[in-house]
Amino acid sequence: MATTGPWSEAEIRAYLEAAVLPLRLASNTVSGSPLLLSLWFVPLDGALYCAALTSSRVVRSLARDPRCTVEVAGDLPPYRGIRGRGIAHLEPARGEQILRAALQRYLGRDDGPLARWLLSRSAREVAIRIELDRITSFDYTARMAPTAGRAR
């Protein structure tokens, strides 16, 4: 995997482990138009995993064209995160496992009302394994830090 930006590969991995933010995934639709959506993700075994319904537009798009890009970054300053390019692999057998891991990561449990509703459809979930071949990190923390005595 090629990396650019201010963070080392170890710092990128640590950021992805700690970031409880949605992953923004862009893929190509059959018409050639981009599809962008946010998904919960789980970093696992050097890849990023998401879960989606087998019938979803994103799964259909990735089945046809597995090339994708991702971004994991917050919406509030100071802006920092990663952007990457890679290939998505669909793994139907791991759909429920990844869904449960995402529920634990984002909700801290897999037995609340939302978790129960999502798990009620788990037989139709597919895991999306995203293997990035290129990652760019960005961190504007220093640039956006308040400066003492700065004129407004």
N, C-alpha and C. Protein backbone atom coordinates (compact mmCIF):
# COMPACT_ATOMS: atom_id res chain seq x y z
N MET A 1 0.84 -1.17 0.00
CA MET A 1 0.00 0.00 0.00
C MET A 1 0.89 1.24 0.00
N ALA A 2 0.61 2.14 -0.91
CA ALA A 2 1.35 3.40 -0.99
C ALA A 2 0.66 4.43 -0.11
N THR A 3 1.45 5.16 0.67
CA THR A 3 0.89 6.21 1.52
C THR A 3 1.56 7.54 1.22
N THR A 4 0.77 8.59 1.30
CA THR A 4 1.28 9.95 1.20
C THR A 4 0.62 10.76 2.30
N GLY A 5 1.20 11.90 2.60
CA GLY A 5 0.65 12.76 3.63
C GLY A 5 1.51 12.75 4.88
N PRO A 6 1.06 13.44 5.92
CA PRO A 6 1.88 13.62 7.11
C PRO A 6 1.98 12.42 8.04
N TRP A 7 1.10 11.43 7.92
CA TRP A 7 1.09 10.32 8.86
C TRP A 7 1.81 9.10 8.30
N SER A 8 2.47 8.39 9.20
CA SER A 8 3.10 7.12 8.84
C SER A 8 2.00 6.06 8.69
N GLU A 9 2.37 4.91 8.17
CA GLU A 9 1.41 3.81 8.04
C GLU A 9 0.88 3.40 9.42
N ALA A 10 1.75 3.40 10.43
CA ALA A 10 1.32 3.06 11.79
C ALA A 10 0.33 4.10 12.32
N GLU A 11 0.56 5.37 12.04
CA GLU A 11 -0.36 6.42 12.48
C GLU A 11 -1.71 6.31 11.76
N ILE A 12 -1.68 5.94 10.50
CA ILE A 12 -2.93 5.74 9.74
C ILE A 12 -3.71 4.59 10.36
N ARG A 13 -3.04 3.48 10.64
CA ARG A 13 -3.72 2.33 11.27
C ARG A 13 -4.32 2.73 12.62
N ALA A 14 -3.55 3.47 13.43
CA ALA A 14 -4.04 3.90 14.74
C ALA A 14 -5.25 4.82 14.60
N TYR A 15 -5.21 5.72 13.64
CA TYR A 15 -6.34 6.62 13.40
C TYR A 15 -7.59 5.81 13.04
N LEU A 16 -7.46 4.85 12.13
CA LEU A 16 -8.60 4.05 11.71
C LEU A 16 -9.15 3.20 12.85
N GLU A 17 -8.29 2.71 13.71
CA GLU A 17 -8.73 1.94 14.87
C GLU A 17 -9.53 2.82 15.83
N ALA A 18 -9.10 4.07 16.01
CA ALA A 18 -9.73 4.96 16.99
C ALA A 18 -10.94 5.71 16.44
N ALA A 19 -11.01 5.92 15.14
CA ALA A 19 -12.06 6.75 14.54
C ALA A 19 -13.41 6.02 14.54
N VAL A 20 -14.35 6.54 15.30
CA VAL A 20 -15.70 5.99 15.28
C VAL A 20 -16.55 6.99 14.50
N LEU A 21 -16.23 7.04 13.23
CA LEU A 21 -16.86 7.92 12.25
C LEU A 21 -17.33 7.06 11.10
N PRO A 22 -18.31 7.52 10.35
CA PRO A 22 -18.67 6.75 9.15
C PRO A 22 -17.57 6.86 8.10
N LEU A 23 -17.46 5.83 7.32
CA LEU A 23 -16.58 5.81 6.15
C LEU A 23 -17.43 6.29 4.98
N ARG A 24 -16.90 7.23 4.22
CA ARG A 24 -17.59 7.65 3.00
C ARG A 24 -17.03 6.81 1.86
N LEU A 25 -17.90 6.12 1.18
CA LEU A 25 -17.51 5.19 0.10
C LEU A 25 -18.07 5.70 -1.21
N ALA A 26 -17.21 5.82 -2.20
CA ALA A 26 -17.63 6.19 -3.55
C ALA A 26 -17.37 5.02 -4.48
N SER A 27 -18.40 4.71 -5.28
CA SER A 27 -18.27 3.65 -6.27
C SER A 27 -18.89 4.14 -7.58
N ASN A 28 -18.79 3.31 -8.61
CA ASN A 28 -19.29 3.68 -9.94
C ASN A 28 -20.58 2.92 -10.23
N THR A 29 -21.63 3.64 -10.62
CA THR A 29 -22.88 2.98 -10.97
C THR A 29 -22.81 2.46 -12.39
N VAL A 30 -23.80 1.69 -12.76
CA VAL A 30 -23.85 1.12 -14.11
C VAL A 30 -23.92 2.22 -15.17
N SER A 31 -24.51 3.37 -14.84
CA SER A 31 -24.59 4.48 -15.80
C SER A 31 -23.28 5.25 -15.89
N GLY A 32 -22.34 4.95 -15.00
CA GLY A 32 -21.07 5.66 -14.98
C GLY A 32 -21.06 6.83 -14.01
N SER A 33 -22.19 7.11 -13.40
CA SER A 33 -22.26 8.17 -12.41
C SER A 33 -21.68 7.68 -11.08
N PRO A 34 -21.07 8.56 -10.32
CA PRO A 34 -20.55 8.15 -9.01
C PRO A 34 -21.69 7.97 -8.01
N LEU A 35 -21.49 7.06 -7.09
CA LEU A 35 -22.40 6.82 -5.97
C LEU A 35 -21.59 7.06 -4.71
N LEU A 36 -22.05 7.93 -3.84
CA LEU A 36 -21.35 8.25 -2.59
C LEU A 36 -22.30 8.00 -1.43
N LEU A 37 -21.84 7.25 -0.43
CA LEU A 37 -22.65 7.01 0.75
C LEU A 37 -21.76 6.81 1.96
N SER A 38 -22.36 6.94 3.12
CA SER A 38 -21.64 6.75 4.38
C SER A 38 -22.04 5.42 4.99
N LEU A 39 -21.04 4.68 5.46
CA LEU A 39 -21.25 3.37 6.07
C LEU A 39 -20.41 3.26 7.33
N TRP A 40 -20.92 2.53 8.31
CA TRP A 40 -20.10 2.17 9.45
C TRP A 40 -19.01 1.21 8.96
N PHE A 41 -17.83 1.30 9.55
CA PHE A 41 -16.75 0.41 9.13
C PHE A 41 -16.03 -0.17 10.33
N VAL A 42 -15.35 -1.28 10.06
CA VAL A 42 -14.54 -1.96 11.06
C VAL A 42 -13.19 -2.25 10.43
N PRO A 43 -12.09 -1.72 11.01
CA PRO A 43 -10.77 -2.09 10.50
C PRO A 43 -10.41 -3.48 11.02
N LEU A 44 -10.03 -4.36 10.12
CA LEU A 44 -9.78 -5.75 10.49
C LEU A 44 -8.81 -6.38 9.51
N ASP A 45 -7.75 -6.97 10.02
CA ASP A 45 -6.80 -7.71 9.18
C ASP A 45 -6.26 -6.89 8.02
N GLY A 46 -5.98 -5.61 8.25
CA GLY A 46 -5.39 -4.77 7.21
C GLY A 46 -6.37 -4.25 6.17
N ALA A 47 -7.66 -4.51 6.36
CA ALA A 47 -8.68 -4.02 5.43
C ALA A 47 -9.74 -3.25 6.21
N LEU A 48 -10.62 -2.59 5.49
CA LEU A 48 -11.76 -1.91 6.09
C LEU A 48 -13.00 -2.68 5.68
N TYR A 49 -13.83 -3.05 6.65
CA TYR A 49 -15.03 -3.83 6.39
C TYR A 49 -16.28 -3.01 6.68
N CYS A 50 -17.27 -3.16 5.84
CA CYS A 50 -18.59 -2.57 6.03
C CYS A 50 -19.60 -3.69 5.80
N ALA A 51 -20.84 -3.44 6.19
CA ALA A 51 -21.92 -4.38 5.90
C ALA A 51 -23.04 -3.62 5.21
N ALA A 52 -23.66 -4.26 4.25
CA ALA A 52 -24.78 -3.66 3.52
C ALA A 52 -25.71 -4.78 3.04
N LEU A 53 -26.94 -4.42 2.78
CA LEU A 53 -27.88 -5.39 2.27
C LEU A 53 -27.45 -5.87 0.88
N THR A 54 -27.61 -7.13 0.64
CA THR A 54 -27.25 -7.71 -0.66
C THR A 54 -27.95 -6.99 -1.81
N SER A 55 -29.16 -6.54 -1.57
CA SER A 55 -29.95 -5.88 -2.61
C SER A 55 -29.66 -4.39 -2.76
N SER A 56 -28.76 -3.85 -1.96
CA SER A 56 -28.51 -2.40 -1.99
C SER A 56 -27.79 -1.97 -3.27
N ARG A 57 -27.99 -0.73 -3.59
CA ARG A 57 -27.37 -0.17 -4.80
C ARG A 57 -25.84 -0.24 -4.73
N VAL A 58 -25.28 0.00 -3.55
CA VAL A 58 -23.82 -0.02 -3.43
C VAL A 58 -23.28 -1.42 -3.67
N VAL A 59 -23.95 -2.43 -3.17
CA VAL A 59 -23.49 -3.81 -3.40
C VAL A 59 -23.59 -4.15 -4.88
N ARG A 60 -24.67 -3.76 -5.51
CA ARG A 60 -24.80 -4.02 -6.96
C ARG A 60 -23.71 -3.29 -7.74
N SER A 61 -23.42 -2.05 -7.35
CA SER A 61 -22.37 -1.27 -8.04
C SER A 61 -21.00 -1.92 -7.87
N LEU A 62 -20.69 -2.34 -6.64
CA LEU A 62 -19.38 -2.93 -6.38
C LEU A 62 -19.24 -4.32 -7.01
N ALA A 63 -20.35 -5.04 -7.14
CA ALA A 63 -20.30 -6.35 -7.81
C ALA A 63 -19.95 -6.18 -9.28
N ARG A 64 -20.42 -5.10 -9.88
CA ARG A 64 -20.16 -4.83 -11.29
C ARG A 64 -18.78 -4.22 -11.49
N ASP A 65 -18.38 -3.31 -10.59
CA ASP A 65 -17.10 -2.61 -10.70
C ASP A 65 -16.55 -2.43 -9.28
N PRO A 66 -15.58 -3.24 -8.86
CA PRO A 66 -15.11 -3.21 -7.48
C PRO A 66 -14.19 -2.03 -7.12
N ARG A 67 -13.86 -1.20 -8.10
CA ARG A 67 -13.01 -0.05 -7.79
C ARG A 67 -13.79 0.94 -6.93
N CYS A 68 -13.11 1.51 -5.93
CA CYS A 68 -13.79 2.45 -5.04
C CYS A 68 -12.77 3.40 -4.42
N THR A 69 -13.31 4.46 -3.83
CA THR A 69 -12.52 5.37 -3.02
C THR A 69 -13.23 5.55 -1.69
N VAL A 70 -12.46 5.89 -0.66
CA VAL A 70 -13.04 6.09 0.66
C VAL A 70 -12.45 7.33 1.31
N GLU A 71 -13.20 7.84 2.28
CA GLU A 71 -12.68 8.89 3.15
C GLU A 71 -13.19 8.61 4.54
N VAL A 72 -12.29 8.74 5.52
CA VAL A 72 -12.66 8.66 6.93
C VAL A 72 -12.13 9.94 7.55
N ALA A 73 -13.04 10.86 7.86
CA ALA A 73 -12.66 12.16 8.40
C ALA A 73 -13.87 12.78 9.09
N GLY A 74 -13.60 13.57 10.11
CA GLY A 74 -14.68 14.26 10.80
C GLY A 74 -15.12 15.49 10.01
N ASP A 75 -16.25 16.04 10.43
CA ASP A 75 -16.81 17.20 9.76
C ASP A 75 -16.47 18.52 10.45
N LEU A 76 -15.82 18.45 11.60
CA LEU A 76 -15.52 19.66 12.36
C LEU A 76 -14.02 19.92 12.37
N PRO A 77 -13.62 21.20 12.41
CA PRO A 77 -12.20 21.52 12.49
C PRO A 77 -11.61 21.06 13.81
N PRO A 78 -10.34 20.79 13.85
CA PRO A 78 -9.41 20.84 12.73
C PRO A 78 -9.59 19.60 11.86
N TYR A 79 -9.59 19.79 10.58
CA TYR A 79 -9.85 18.70 9.65
C TYR A 79 -8.65 17.77 9.57
N ARG A 80 -8.94 16.48 9.70
CA ARG A 80 -7.89 15.46 9.62
C ARG A 80 -8.54 14.13 9.30
N GLY A 81 -7.78 13.27 8.64
CA GLY A 81 -8.31 11.97 8.30
C GLY A 81 -7.53 11.33 7.16
N ILE A 82 -8.19 10.41 6.48
CA ILE A 82 -7.55 9.70 5.37
C ILE A 82 -8.50 9.63 4.17
N ARG A 83 -7.89 9.55 3.01
CA ARG A 83 -8.61 9.24 1.77
C ARG A 83 -7.84 8.11 1.12
N GLY A 84 -8.56 7.21 0.50
CA GLY A 84 -7.87 6.08 -0.12
C GLY A 84 -8.59 5.55 -1.34
N ARG A 85 -7.85 4.78 -2.10
CA ARG A 85 -8.36 4.15 -3.31
C ARG A 85 -8.08 2.66 -3.21
N GLY A 86 -9.04 1.85 -3.67
CA GLY A 86 -8.81 0.42 -3.59
C GLY A 86 -9.86 -0.40 -4.30
N ILE A 87 -9.92 -1.65 -3.90
CA ILE A 87 -10.82 -2.63 -4.49
C ILE A 87 -11.72 -3.19 -3.39
N ALA A 88 -13.00 -3.31 -3.69
CA ALA A 88 -13.96 -3.88 -2.74
C ALA A 88 -14.24 -5.33 -3.11
N HIS A 89 -14.24 -6.18 -2.12
CA HIS A 89 -14.56 -7.60 -2.29
C HIS A 89 -15.83 -7.89 -1.49
N LEU A 90 -16.79 -8.53 -2.10
CA LEU A 90 -18.04 -8.86 -1.43
C LEU A 90 -17.93 -10.25 -0.80
N GLU A 91 -18.27 -10.32 0.49
CA GLU A 91 -18.16 -11.58 1.23
C GLU A 91 -19.49 -11.87 1.94
N PRO A 92 -20.43 -12.51 1.24
CA PRO A 92 -21.74 -12.78 1.83
C PRO A 92 -21.69 -13.59 3.12
N ALA A 93 -20.77 -14.52 3.23
CA ALA A 93 -20.70 -15.39 4.40
C ALA A 93 -20.33 -14.62 5.68
N ARG A 94 -19.73 -13.44 5.54
CA ARG A 94 -19.30 -12.68 6.72
C ARG A 94 -20.22 -11.49 7.02
N GLY A 95 -21.34 -11.39 6.32
CA GLY A 95 -22.23 -10.24 6.50
C GLY A 95 -22.67 -10.02 7.94
N GLU A 96 -23.21 -11.04 8.57
CA GLU A 96 -23.69 -10.89 9.95
C GLU A 96 -22.53 -10.62 10.92
N GLN A 97 -21.42 -11.29 10.74
CA GLN A 97 -20.25 -11.08 11.62
C GLN A 97 -19.80 -9.63 11.57
N ILE A 98 -19.70 -9.06 10.39
CA ILE A 98 -19.25 -7.67 10.25
C ILE A 98 -20.31 -6.71 10.76
N LEU A 99 -21.57 -7.00 10.51
CA LEU A 99 -22.65 -6.17 11.05
C LEU A 99 -22.58 -6.14 12.57
N ARG A 100 -22.40 -7.29 13.20
CA ARG A 100 -22.30 -7.33 14.68
C ARG A 100 -21.08 -6.54 15.17
N ALA A 101 -19.96 -6.68 14.48
CA ALA A 101 -18.76 -5.93 14.88
C ALA A 101 -18.99 -4.42 14.75
N ALA A 102 -19.68 -4.01 13.70
CA ALA A 102 -19.97 -2.58 13.51
C ALA A 102 -20.93 -2.08 14.58
N LEU A 103 -21.91 -2.88 14.95
CA LEU A 103 -22.84 -2.49 16.01
C LEU A 103 -22.10 -2.30 17.33
N GLN A 104 -21.18 -3.19 17.63
CA GLN A 104 -20.37 -3.05 18.85
C GLN A 104 -19.52 -1.79 18.80
N ARG A 105 -18.92 -1.53 17.66
CA ARG A 105 -18.03 -0.38 17.51
C ARG A 105 -18.78 0.94 17.63
N TYR A 106 -19.95 1.06 16.97
CA TYR A 106 -20.66 2.33 16.91
C TYR A 106 -21.71 2.52 17.99
N LEU A 107 -22.31 1.43 18.45
CA LEU A 107 -23.35 1.54 19.47
C LEU A 107 -22.89 1.02 20.83
N GLY A 108 -21.80 0.25 20.83
CA GLY A 108 -21.32 -0.33 22.08
C GLY A 108 -22.10 -1.56 22.50
N ARG A 109 -23.03 -2.01 21.66
CA ARG A 109 -23.85 -3.18 21.98
C ARG A 109 -24.54 -3.67 20.72
N ASP A 110 -25.03 -4.89 20.78
CA ASP A 110 -25.77 -5.40 19.63
C ASP A 110 -27.14 -5.92 20.06
N ASP A 111 -27.68 -5.34 21.15
CA ASP A 111 -28.98 -5.81 21.63
C ASP A 111 -29.99 -4.69 21.85
N GLY A 112 -29.71 -3.47 21.43
CA GLY A 112 -30.67 -2.38 21.55
C GLY A 112 -31.68 -2.41 20.41
N PRO A 113 -32.63 -1.48 20.40
CA PRO A 113 -33.67 -1.48 19.36
C PRO A 113 -33.12 -1.38 17.93
N LEU A 114 -32.20 -0.46 17.68
CA LEU A 114 -31.64 -0.34 16.34
C LEU A 114 -30.87 -1.60 15.97
N ALA A 115 -30.07 -2.11 16.90
CA ALA A 115 -29.30 -3.33 16.63
C ALA A 115 -30.22 -4.50 16.33
N ARG A 116 -31.28 -4.64 17.10
CA ARG A 116 -32.22 -5.76 16.86
C ARG A 116 -32.86 -5.63 15.48
N TRP A 117 -33.23 -4.41 15.10
CA TRP A 117 -33.84 -4.22 13.78
C TRP A 117 -32.85 -4.56 12.68
N LEU A 118 -31.61 -4.06 12.79
CA LEU A 118 -30.61 -4.37 11.76
C LEU A 118 -30.31 -5.87 11.71
N LEU A 119 -30.19 -6.48 12.87
CA LEU A 119 -29.90 -7.91 12.91
C LEU A 119 -31.06 -8.76 12.41
N SER A 120 -32.27 -8.24 12.45
CA SER A 120 -33.41 -9.01 11.93
C SER A 120 -33.29 -9.23 10.42
N ARG A 121 -32.44 -8.44 9.77
CA ARG A 121 -32.22 -8.58 8.33
C ARG A 121 -30.84 -9.16 8.02
N SER A 122 -30.16 -9.68 9.03
CA SER A 122 -28.75 -10.07 8.87
C SER A 122 -28.53 -11.18 7.84
N ALA A 123 -29.53 -12.00 7.58
CA ALA A 123 -29.36 -13.06 6.57
C ALA A 123 -29.18 -12.47 5.18
N ARG A 124 -29.58 -11.21 5.00
CA ARG A 124 -29.46 -10.55 3.70
C ARG A 124 -28.28 -9.57 3.65
N GLU A 125 -27.44 -9.57 4.68
CA GLU A 125 -26.29 -8.67 4.72
C GLU A 125 -25.09 -9.32 4.03
N VAL A 126 -24.28 -8.50 3.42
CA VAL A 126 -23.03 -8.94 2.82
C VAL A 126 -21.92 -8.06 3.40
N ALA A 127 -20.78 -8.65 3.67
CA ALA A 127 -19.62 -7.87 4.11
C ALA A 127 -18.94 -7.30 2.87
N ILE A 128 -18.51 -6.06 2.99
CA ILE A 128 -17.73 -5.41 1.94
C ILE A 128 -16.32 -5.23 2.51
N ARG A 129 -15.37 -5.96 1.95
CA ARG A 129 -13.97 -5.85 2.38
C ARG A 129 -13.27 -4.91 1.41
N ILE A 130 -12.77 -3.80 1.93
CA ILE A 130 -12.11 -2.80 1.09
C ILE A 130 -10.61 -2.89 1.35
N GLU A 131 -9.89 -3.25 0.31
CA GLU A 131 -8.43 -3.30 0.39
C GLU A 131 -7.90 -2.08 -0.35
N LEU A 132 -7.30 -1.20 0.41
CA LEU A 132 -6.78 0.05 -0.16
C LEU A 132 -5.37 -0.16 -0.70
N ASP A 133 -5.11 0.32 -1.91
CA ASP A 133 -3.76 0.25 -2.45
C ASP A 133 -3.07 1.60 -2.36
N ARG A 134 -3.83 2.62 -2.02
CA ARG A 134 -3.28 3.97 -1.91
C ARG A 134 -4.04 4.74 -0.83
N ILE A 135 -3.30 5.35 0.10
CA ILE A 135 -3.92 6.15 1.16
C ILE A 135 -3.19 7.48 1.27
N THR A 136 -3.96 8.55 1.36
CA THR A 136 -3.43 9.88 1.63
C THR A 136 -3.99 10.33 2.97
N SER A 137 -3.10 10.70 3.88
CA SER A 137 -3.56 11.27 5.15
C SER A 137 -3.51 12.79 5.05
N PHE A 138 -4.34 13.44 5.84
CA PHE A 138 -4.29 14.90 5.92
C PHE A 138 -4.58 15.31 7.35
N ASP A 139 -3.92 16.34 7.80
CA ASP A 139 -4.08 16.81 9.17
C ASP A 139 -3.79 18.31 9.21
N TYR A 140 -4.85 19.08 9.35
CA TYR A 140 -4.72 20.54 9.38
C TYR A 140 -4.75 21.09 10.80
N THR A 141 -4.47 20.25 11.79
CA THR A 141 -4.51 20.67 13.19
C THR A 141 -3.62 21.87 13.44
N ALA A 142 -2.35 21.81 13.02
CA ALA A 142 -1.43 22.92 13.28
C ALA A 142 -1.85 24.17 12.51
N ARG A 143 -2.26 24.00 11.29
CA ARG A 143 -2.65 25.14 10.46
C ARG A 143 -3.90 25.85 11.01
N MET A 144 -4.79 25.09 11.64
CA MET A 144 -6.04 25.66 12.11
C MET A 144 -6.03 26.03 13.59
N ALA A 145 -4.90 25.82 14.26
CA ALA A 145 -4.81 26.15 15.68
C ALA A 145 -4.92 27.66 15.88
N PRO A 146 -5.61 28.09 16.94
CA PRO A 146 -5.69 29.53 17.20
C PRO A 146 -4.30 30.09 17.48
N THR A 147 -4.07 31.28 16.98
CA THR A 147 -2.78 31.93 17.18
C THR A 147 -2.96 33.07 18.17
N ALA A 148 -2.11 33.11 19.19
CA ALA A 148 -2.20 34.16 20.21
C ALA A 148 -1.92 35.51 19.56
N GLY A 149 -2.73 36.49 19.89
CA GLY A 149 -2.50 37.84 19.41
C GLY A 149 -2.84 38.05 17.94
N ARG A 150 -3.51 37.12 17.35
CA ARG A 150 -3.84 37.20 15.92
C ARG A 150 -4.92 38.25 15.71
N ALA A 151 -4.73 39.10 14.70
CA ALA A 151 -5.72 40.12 14.37
C ALA A 151 -6.94 39.46 13.74
N ARG A 152 -8.11 39.96 14.07
CA ARG A 152 -9.35 39.39 13.52
C ARG A 152 -9.97 40.29 12.51
